[in-house]
């Protein structure tokens, strides 16, 4: 791996926030996220930061600290497309350009607390500006409690490209490589590029350079790609993941299958802004509400994503949290729409999109995402049965990371 960021060399005398791990037995319904497995009366044993055991109540060990949760136990949820220093309330360009660094830090801190309370145990922060690099440091050094973080640093764009007012602009292959190296130097876990808006962005040389440089540094690279020509292009050039997705030909879908590329769908802005009561409270104009309502009603616009999902392209949960009206604790609208559109055939599959499949995307497939003995103890307790009613996820009562209770 690359040389670690400079802050890794700082001595930590004492973490400001460091919850103790527990040796605890939790009883309740258990959704393991291993296929469709649901244990109606089961247990999960937390010990040493890991899951020591999972199974039917009758097979539970004797543990002094035993808790009847009265709810459903399931793996911690992961938001694989979020922006912690955007608040989901104010207009994006204004807060991006004019928020002071200190305000960005407070927003990220508040949004991490909201995420933990919502049962989010891992956030993949796809940046735009560089605030997430400092958020990562704060959590890693125990300065502030938060979920696990994967951060991209600054998103890389062509000069004058999509959201140029907040991202890292570069022109030419050499500048692309420098932009990647700067993110790597400061501790990025992955690289993100804005590969299109209304038109394709980057020359072939630039796109090759930015992808090659990420891979030379052993980091995955993901692309904002929202229509067929862009999705096919970045896939052919060697990108590792598609953000948002959109219209796709059969040939493009086959390319994604051949390259084993996942798509992180982000329906939340569309869905939430289509609700007049919510949208008006956030100052969304009437013309935008009408536009969103028309888009949500026309399921044909999601045909490419639906065909991709049915063909076997992995679909992973993300909300684009921080976008207008998309706050960081809004989980259910995205999941419900994934089922409604059909990219997830049922609630249990939607739950795997936010747990098991998300863990694979984020490089934690062997250690997180399912409730199995030996995996890290990231799990939540939900008041209700989310496999039957996704709105139960609005009632998360306990959140654990590494066996430490965070909420």
Protein backbone atom coordinates (compact mmCIF):
# COMPACT_ATOMS: atom_id res chain seq x y z
CA UNK A 1 0.00 0.00 0.00
CA UNK A 2 1.08 3.66 -0.35
CA UNK A 3 3.03 5.51 2.31
CA UNK A 4 0.53 6.40 5.06
CA UNK A 5 -0.62 9.97 5.61
CA UNK A 6 1.56 12.01 7.95
CA UNK A 7 -0.95 11.92 10.80
CA UNK A 8 -0.46 8.16 11.15
CA UNK A 9 2.94 8.90 12.69
CA UNK A 10 1.50 10.98 15.55
CA UNK A 11 1.61 9.39 18.99
CA UNK A 12 -1.83 9.09 20.60
CA UNK A 13 -1.41 9.40 24.36
CA UNK A 14 -5.12 8.82 24.99
CA UNK A 15 -8.13 8.68 22.71
CA UNK A 16 -10.71 11.33 23.56
CA UNK A 17 -13.53 8.90 22.70
CA UNK A 18 -13.02 5.19 23.17
CA UNK A 19 -15.96 3.05 24.24
CA UNK A 20 -15.14 -0.26 25.93
CA UNK A 21 -15.84 -3.48 24.08
CA UNK A 22 -18.37 -5.86 25.58
CA UNK A 23 -18.72 -9.57 26.23
CA UNK A 24 -22.48 -9.63 25.71
CA UNK A 25 -25.21 -11.96 24.58
CA UNK A 26 -28.02 -10.32 22.60
CA UNK A 27 -31.30 -12.19 22.14
CA UNK A 28 -33.87 -11.41 19.43
CA UNK A 29 -34.82 -12.14 15.85
CA UNK A 30 -31.65 -12.41 13.77
CA UNK A 31 -31.24 -11.41 10.13
CA UNK A 32 -27.78 -12.72 9.29
CA UNK A 33 -27.74 -11.34 5.68
CA UNK A 34 -26.44 -14.76 4.61
CA UNK A 35 -28.91 -15.42 1.83
CA UNK A 36 -32.47 -15.20 3.15
CA UNK A 37 -31.63 -16.62 6.57
CA UNK A 38 -33.78 -15.31 9.43
CA UNK A 39 -33.60 -16.86 12.90
CA UNK A 40 -36.92 -16.08 14.56
CA UNK A 41 -35.66 -16.68 18.13
CA UNK A 42 -31.91 -16.41 18.18
CA UNK A 43 -28.83 -14.84 19.70
CA UNK A 44 -25.62 -13.06 18.76
CA UNK A 45 -22.64 -13.28 21.11
CA UNK A 46 -20.23 -10.32 21.09
CA UNK A 47 -16.75 -10.89 22.53
CA UNK A 48 -13.37 -9.32 21.93
CA UNK A 49 -14.71 -7.03 19.21
CA UNK A 50 -15.92 -9.96 17.14
CA UNK A 51 -18.98 -12.14 16.76
CA UNK A 52 -18.28 -15.19 18.90
CA UNK A 53 -21.44 -17.01 17.92
CA UNK A 54 -24.81 -16.79 16.18
CA UNK A 55 -27.69 -19.23 16.28
CA UNK A 56 -30.93 -20.42 17.79
CA UNK A 57 -31.64 -19.39 21.38
CA UNK A 58 -31.49 -23.00 22.52
CA UNK A 59 -27.82 -23.18 21.57
CA UNK A 60 -26.73 -19.94 23.25
CA UNK A 61 -23.79 -20.05 25.68
CA UNK A 62 -24.06 -18.79 29.24
CA UNK A 63 -22.86 -15.20 29.45
CA UNK A 64 -23.21 -12.94 32.48
CA UNK A 65 -24.17 -9.92 30.39
CA UNK A 66 -27.27 -11.06 28.51
CA UNK A 67 -29.80 -8.70 26.97
CA UNK A 68 -33.31 -9.38 25.70
CA UNK A 69 -33.49 -6.82 22.89
CA UNK A 70 -37.11 -7.41 21.94
CA UNK A 71 -36.13 -6.53 18.39
CA UNK A 72 -34.29 -7.71 15.29
CA UNK A 73 -30.51 -8.06 15.20
CA UNK A 74 -28.84 -7.49 11.84
CA UNK A 75 -25.46 -6.40 10.44
CA UNK A 76 -24.54 -2.76 10.67
CA UNK A 77 -25.67 -0.82 7.60
CA UNK A 78 -23.29 0.88 5.16
CA UNK A 79 -23.95 4.02 3.14
CA UNK A 80 -21.66 3.58 0.16
CA UNK A 81 -22.26 7.02 -1.35
CA UNK A 82 -22.39 9.95 1.04
CA UNK A 83 -20.93 13.40 1.67
CA UNK A 84 -20.57 13.97 5.40
CA UNK A 85 -19.69 17.67 5.24
CA UNK A 86 -22.81 18.48 3.22
CA UNK A 87 -25.78 18.92 5.51
CA UNK A 88 -28.66 17.91 3.24
CA UNK A 89 -30.36 21.20 4.02
CA UNK A 90 -28.66 24.10 2.28
CA UNK A 91 -27.96 24.61 -1.43
CA UNK A 92 -24.91 22.61 -2.51
CA UNK A 93 -22.87 25.15 -4.44
CA UNK A 94 -23.26 27.79 -1.75
CA UNK A 95 -22.19 25.61 1.16
CA UNK A 96 -19.44 24.05 -0.94
CA UNK A 97 -17.90 27.38 -1.84
CA UNK A 98 -18.58 29.41 1.29
CA UNK A 99 -18.65 27.07 4.30
CA UNK A 100 -15.59 27.70 6.47
CA UNK A 101 -13.45 24.61 7.12
CA UNK A 102 -14.59 24.69 10.75
CA UNK A 103 -18.25 24.56 9.70
CA UNK A 104 -17.53 21.64 7.38
CA UNK A 105 -15.99 19.86 10.36
CA UNK A 106 -19.03 20.50 12.55
CA UNK A 107 -21.36 19.31 9.81
CA UNK A 108 -19.35 16.11 9.37
CA UNK A 109 -19.34 15.53 13.13
CA UNK A 110 -23.08 16.02 13.39
CA UNK A 111 -23.74 13.80 10.41
CA UNK A 112 -21.60 11.03 11.89
CA UNK A 113 -23.74 11.09 15.03
CA UNK A 114 -26.89 11.00 12.92
CA UNK A 115 -25.45 8.09 10.95
CA UNK A 116 -24.67 6.08 14.08
CA UNK A 117 -28.16 6.69 15.46
CA UNK A 118 -29.60 5.50 12.15
CA UNK A 119 -27.62 2.25 12.30
CA UNK A 120 -24.96 3.23 9.76
CA UNK A 121 -21.67 1.65 10.82
CA UNK A 122 -19.67 2.46 7.67
CA UNK A 123 -19.75 5.52 5.44
CA UNK A 124 -18.02 5.71 2.07
CA UNK A 125 -17.53 9.46 1.78
CA UNK A 126 -16.99 10.41 -1.85
CA UNK A 127 -15.70 13.81 -1.07
CA UNK A 128 -15.87 16.57 -3.65
CA UNK A 129 -13.63 18.75 -1.46
CA UNK A 130 -11.02 17.45 0.98
CA UNK A 131 -12.90 17.73 4.29
CA UNK A 132 -13.37 13.98 4.52
CA UNK A 133 -9.61 13.45 4.89
CA UNK A 134 -9.78 15.32 8.22
CA UNK A 135 -12.97 13.50 9.23
CA UNK A 136 -11.14 10.21 8.72
CA UNK A 137 -8.27 11.39 10.91
CA UNK A 138 -10.61 12.56 13.68
CA UNK A 139 -12.31 9.17 13.92
CA UNK A 140 -9.13 7.15 13.54
CA UNK A 141 -7.38 9.10 16.31
CA UNK A 142 -10.37 8.99 18.66
CA UNK A 143 -10.99 12.72 18.48
CA UNK A 144 -14.65 12.18 17.62
CA UNK A 145 -16.87 9.07 17.55
CA UNK A 146 -18.02 7.97 14.16
CA UNK A 147 -18.69 5.05 11.84
CA UNK A 148 -15.97 3.31 9.89
CA UNK A 149 -14.90 5.66 7.10
CA UNK A 150 -13.64 5.18 3.59
CA UNK A 151 -12.79 8.52 2.02
CA UNK A 152 -11.83 9.70 -1.44
CA UNK A 153 -10.38 13.11 -0.65
CA UNK A 154 -11.08 15.57 -3.45
CA UNK A 155 -13.07 14.28 -6.41
CA UNK A 156 -11.02 14.72 -9.57
CA UNK A 157 -12.50 16.46 -12.59
CA UNK A 158 -11.37 18.01 -15.83
CA UNK A 159 -10.87 21.77 -15.61
CA UNK A 160 -14.33 23.34 -15.67
CA UNK A 161 -15.98 19.94 -15.35
CA UNK A 162 -19.03 18.78 -13.39
CA UNK A 163 -19.14 20.60 -10.00
CA UNK A 164 -15.86 22.36 -10.78
CA UNK A 165 -16.65 24.78 -7.94
CA UNK A 166 -15.82 22.21 -5.30
CA UNK A 167 -13.65 19.44 -6.83
CA UNK A 168 -9.99 19.09 -7.83
CA UNK A 169 -9.57 20.39 -11.38
CA UNK A 170 -6.85 18.99 -13.61
CA UNK A 171 -5.93 19.16 -17.29
CA UNK A 172 -3.69 16.71 -19.11
CA UNK A 173 -2.40 13.31 -18.09
CA UNK A 174 0.38 14.61 -15.85
CA UNK A 175 -1.99 16.80 -13.83
CA UNK A 176 -4.36 13.85 -13.45
CA UNK A 177 -1.57 11.76 -11.99
CA UNK A 178 -0.56 14.60 -9.65
CA UNK A 179 -4.16 14.97 -8.48
CA UNK A 180 -4.32 11.26 -7.61
CA UNK A 181 -0.95 11.35 -5.85
CA UNK A 182 -2.05 14.31 -3.73
CA UNK A 183 -5.10 12.38 -2.48
CA UNK A 184 -2.97 9.31 -1.81
CA UNK A 185 -0.41 11.36 0.13
CA UNK A 186 -3.11 12.74 2.40
CA UNK A 187 -4.67 9.37 3.19
CA UNK A 188 -7.44 8.68 0.69
CA UNK A 189 -8.84 5.15 0.68
CA UNK A 190 -10.13 5.39 -2.88
CA UNK A 191 -10.23 7.82 -5.79
CA UNK A 192 -13.34 9.33 -7.35
CA UNK A 193 -13.71 10.97 -10.76
CA UNK A 194 -16.60 12.86 -12.31
CA UNK A 195 -16.70 11.16 -15.71
CA UNK A 196 -19.67 12.99 -17.20
CA UNK A 197 -22.50 15.43 -16.79
CA UNK A 198 -24.33 16.38 -19.97
CA UNK A 199 -21.23 15.43 -21.94
CA UNK A 200 -18.38 12.98 -21.53
CA UNK A 201 -15.43 14.40 -19.59
CA UNK A 202 -11.67 13.70 -19.74
CA UNK A 203 -9.65 12.96 -22.86
CA UNK A 204 -8.67 9.34 -23.38
CA UNK A 205 -5.16 10.11 -22.15
CA UNK A 206 -6.51 11.81 -19.03
CA UNK A 207 -8.93 9.00 -18.21
CA UNK A 208 -6.24 6.38 -18.69
CA UNK A 209 -3.82 8.34 -16.51
CA UNK A 210 -6.19 8.88 -13.58
CA UNK A 211 -7.27 5.23 -13.50
CA UNK A 212 -3.75 3.90 -13.97
CA UNK A 213 -2.34 6.12 -11.24
CA UNK A 214 -5.01 5.01 -8.75
CA UNK A 215 -4.27 1.37 -9.49
CA UNK A 216 -0.50 1.92 -9.34
CA UNK A 217 -1.11 3.12 -5.78
CA UNK A 218 -3.29 0.06 -5.11
CA UNK A 219 -6.42 2.10 -4.56
CA UNK A 220 -9.82 1.43 -6.13
CA UNK A 221 -11.28 4.17 -8.31
CA UNK A 222 -14.95 4.93 -8.82
CA UNK A 223 -16.74 7.11 -11.36
CA UNK A 224 -19.78 9.34 -11.39
CA UNK A 225 -21.38 7.87 -14.52
CA UNK A 226 -25.04 8.40 -15.34
CA UNK A 227 -25.74 7.24 -18.90
CA UNK A 228 -24.76 4.49 -21.30
CA UNK A 229 -21.90 6.09 -23.21
CA UNK A 230 -20.18 7.18 -20.01
CA UNK A 231 -20.75 3.91 -18.14
CA UNK A 232 -19.38 1.87 -21.06
CA UNK A 233 -16.39 4.17 -21.48
CA UNK A 234 -15.21 4.11 -17.86
CA UNK A 235 -15.79 0.35 -17.67
CA UNK A 236 -13.65 -0.20 -20.75
CA UNK A 237 -10.90 2.01 -19.31
CA UNK A 238 -10.77 -0.04 -16.08
CA UNK A 239 -12.84 1.76 -13.44
CA UNK A 240 -13.77 -0.31 -10.36
CA UNK A 241 -17.30 0.91 -9.59
CA UNK A 242 -20.16 2.91 -11.13
CA UNK A 243 -21.82 5.66 -9.08
CA UNK A 244 -25.48 6.41 -9.80
CA UNK A 245 -25.79 4.48 -13.06
CA UNK A 246 -28.48 5.11 -15.65
CA UNK A 247 -29.49 4.03 -19.13
CA UNK A 248 -27.52 1.02 -20.36
CA UNK A 249 -27.43 -1.06 -23.49
CA UNK A 250 -27.21 -4.84 -23.33
CA UNK A 251 -23.58 -4.55 -24.44
CA UNK A 252 -22.77 -2.22 -21.55
CA UNK A 253 -24.49 -4.51 -19.05
CA UNK A 254 -22.45 -7.43 -20.38
CA UNK A 255 -19.30 -5.34 -19.99
CA UNK A 256 -20.16 -4.70 -16.33
CA UNK A 257 -20.74 -8.42 -15.82
CA UNK A 258 -17.48 -9.32 -17.52
CA UNK A 259 -15.54 -6.81 -15.43
CA UNK A 260 -17.49 -7.69 -12.25
CA UNK A 261 -18.36 -4.02 -11.68
CA UNK A 262 -21.01 -3.01 -9.12
CA UNK A 263 -23.37 -0.06 -9.31
CA UNK A 264 -24.15 2.15 -6.31
CA UNK A 265 -27.64 3.44 -7.00
CA UNK A 266 -28.65 6.76 -5.48
CA UNK A 267 -32.38 7.30 -5.82
CA UNK A 268 -32.91 9.29 -2.63
CA UNK A 269 -32.76 12.84 -3.98
CA UNK A 270 -35.26 11.95 -6.67
CA UNK A 271 -37.61 10.16 -4.30
CA UNK A 272 -37.47 12.52 -1.33
CA UNK A 273 -37.70 15.69 -3.42
CA UNK A 274 -40.81 14.23 -5.11
CA UNK A 275 -42.63 14.38 -1.77
CA UNK A 276 -44.17 17.90 -1.73
CA UNK A 277 -44.44 18.16 2.03
CA UNK A 278 -40.78 17.29 2.60
CA UNK A 279 -39.47 19.14 -0.44
CA UNK A 280 -41.22 22.42 0.44
CA UNK A 281 -39.81 22.27 3.95
CA UNK A 282 -36.34 22.24 2.40
CA UNK A 283 -37.10 25.07 0.00
CA UNK A 284 -37.23 22.91 -3.13
CA UNK A 285 -39.00 24.99 -5.83
CA UNK A 286 -42.35 23.83 -7.22
CA UNK A 287 -40.98 23.22 -10.72
CA UNK A 288 -38.35 20.88 -9.27
CA UNK A 289 -40.97 19.00 -7.23
CA UNK A 290 -43.08 18.52 -10.36
CA UNK A 291 -40.01 17.35 -12.30
CA UNK A 292 -39.12 14.87 -9.56
CA UNK A 293 -42.67 13.53 -9.35
CA UNK A 294 -42.73 12.92 -13.09
CA UNK A 295 -39.38 11.14 -12.94
CA UNK A 296 -40.40 8.88 -10.04
CA UNK A 297 -43.65 7.96 -11.77
CA UNK A 298 -41.88 6.97 -15.01
CA UNK A 299 -40.32 3.63 -14.09
CA UNK A 300 -39.11 3.16 -17.68
CA UNK A 301 -36.26 5.57 -16.98
CA UNK A 302 -34.81 2.95 -14.62
CA UNK A 303 -34.97 0.15 -17.20
CA UNK A 304 -31.20 0.00 -17.64
CA UNK A 305 -30.59 -0.41 -13.93
CA UNK A 306 -33.36 -2.99 -13.67
CA UNK A 307 -31.99 -5.06 -16.55
CA UNK A 308 -28.50 -4.82 -15.09
CA UNK A 309 -29.69 -6.03 -11.69
CA UNK A 310 -31.63 -8.92 -13.21
CA UNK A 311 -28.57 -9.88 -15.27
CA UNK A 312 -26.50 -10.15 -12.09
CA UNK A 313 -24.72 -6.81 -11.78
CA UNK A 314 -24.28 -6.21 -8.01
CA UNK A 315 -26.50 -3.36 -6.80
CA UNK A 316 -25.26 -1.58 -3.68
CA UNK A 317 -27.03 0.94 -1.44
CA UNK A 318 -26.08 4.61 -1.40
CA UNK A 319 -28.14 7.75 -0.87
CA UNK A 320 -25.87 10.63 -1.97
CA UNK A 321 -26.49 11.87 1.57
CA UNK A 322 -25.88 15.59 1.88
CA UNK A 323 -27.78 16.37 -1.30
CA UNK A 324 -30.79 18.69 -0.83
CA UNK A 325 -33.40 17.07 1.48
CA UNK A 326 -31.26 13.91 1.77
CA UNK A 327 -30.13 13.95 5.38
CA UNK A 328 -27.68 11.35 6.64
CA UNK A 329 -30.22 9.47 8.73
CA UNK A 330 -32.67 8.98 5.85
CA UNK A 331 -32.28 5.32 4.94
CA UNK A 332 -35.73 3.94 4.23
CA UNK A 333 -36.75 5.95 1.11
CA UNK A 334 -33.79 4.58 -0.85
CA UNK A 335 -34.35 0.98 0.21
CA UNK A 336 -38.09 1.11 -0.47
CA UNK A 337 -37.55 2.56 -3.94
CA UNK A 338 -34.91 -0.06 -4.75
CA UNK A 339 -37.61 -2.69 -4.14
CA UNK A 340 -40.30 -0.67 -5.91
CA UNK A 341 -38.19 -0.24 -9.04
CA UNK A 342 -37.10 -3.87 -8.89
CA UNK A 343 -33.31 -3.54 -8.68
CA UNK A 344 -33.80 -5.45 -5.43
CA UNK A 345 -36.49 -8.14 -5.74
CA UNK A 346 -37.58 -8.01 -2.10
CA UNK A 347 -36.83 -6.48 1.30
CA UNK A 348 -34.24 -9.09 2.26
CA UNK A 349 -32.27 -8.42 -0.90
CA UNK A 350 -32.45 -4.68 -0.21
CA UNK A 351 -31.03 -5.37 3.25
CA UNK A 352 -28.17 -7.30 1.64
CA UNK A 353 -27.52 -4.28 -0.62
CA UNK A 354 -26.83 -2.20 2.49
CA UNK A 355 -24.92 -4.93 4.35
CA UNK A 356 -23.40 -7.97 2.63
CA UNK A 357 -22.96 -6.53 -0.88
CA UNK A 358 -21.81 -3.20 0.52
CA UNK A 359 -19.15 -5.01 2.55
CA UNK A 360 -17.80 -6.68 -0.60
CA UNK A 361 -17.70 -3.38 -2.50
CA UNK A 362 -15.88 -1.70 0.36
CA UNK A 363 -13.25 -4.40 0.76
CA UNK A 364 -14.70 -5.89 3.94
CA UNK A 365 -16.39 -8.95 2.50
CA UNK A 366 -14.40 -11.31 4.72
CA UNK A 367 -14.90 -9.36 7.94
CA UNK A 368 -18.17 -7.42 7.82
CA UNK A 369 -21.62 -7.41 6.22
CA UNK A 370 -23.08 -10.60 7.69
CA UNK A 371 -23.65 -11.93 11.20
CA UNK A 372 -21.33 -14.92 11.30
CA UNK A 373 -18.93 -16.22 13.92
CA UNK A 374 -15.47 -14.75 13.49
CA UNK A 375 -16.54 -11.54 11.77
CA UNK A 376 -16.15 -8.11 13.33
CA UNK A 377 -18.97 -7.19 15.70
CA UNK A 378 -20.65 -4.43 13.69
CA UNK A 379 -24.39 -4.86 14.19
CA UNK A 380 -27.57 -3.04 15.06
CA UNK A 381 -30.80 -3.73 16.93
CA UNK A 382 -34.02 -2.66 15.23
CA UNK A 383 -37.41 -2.27 16.89
CA UNK A 384 -39.49 -4.27 14.40
CA UNK A 385 -39.03 -6.62 11.48
CA UNK A 386 -37.28 -4.77 8.60
CA UNK A 387 -37.47 -7.83 6.35
CA UNK A 388 -41.24 -7.46 6.48
CA UNK A 389 -41.50 -3.67 6.85
CA UNK A 390 -38.51 -1.53 5.90
CA UNK A 391 -39.83 1.42 7.93
CA UNK A 392 -38.72 -0.52 11.02
CA UNK A 393 -35.22 0.74 10.16
CA UNK A 394 -36.36 4.15 11.37
CA UNK A 395 -36.31 2.64 14.88
CA UNK A 396 -32.70 1.61 15.51
CA UNK A 397 -32.22 1.16 19.27
CA UNK A 398 -28.60 -0.02 19.46
CA UNK A 399 -25.54 0.33 17.23
CA UNK A 400 -22.28 -1.57 17.75
CA UNK A 401 -18.94 -1.20 15.98
CA UNK A 402 -16.17 -3.63 16.90
CA UNK A 403 -18.40 -4.76 19.75
CA UNK A 404 -18.47 -1.23 21.18
CA UNK A 405 -21.88 0.31 21.71
CA UNK A 406 -21.98 3.57 19.74
CA UNK A 407 -25.70 4.30 20.15
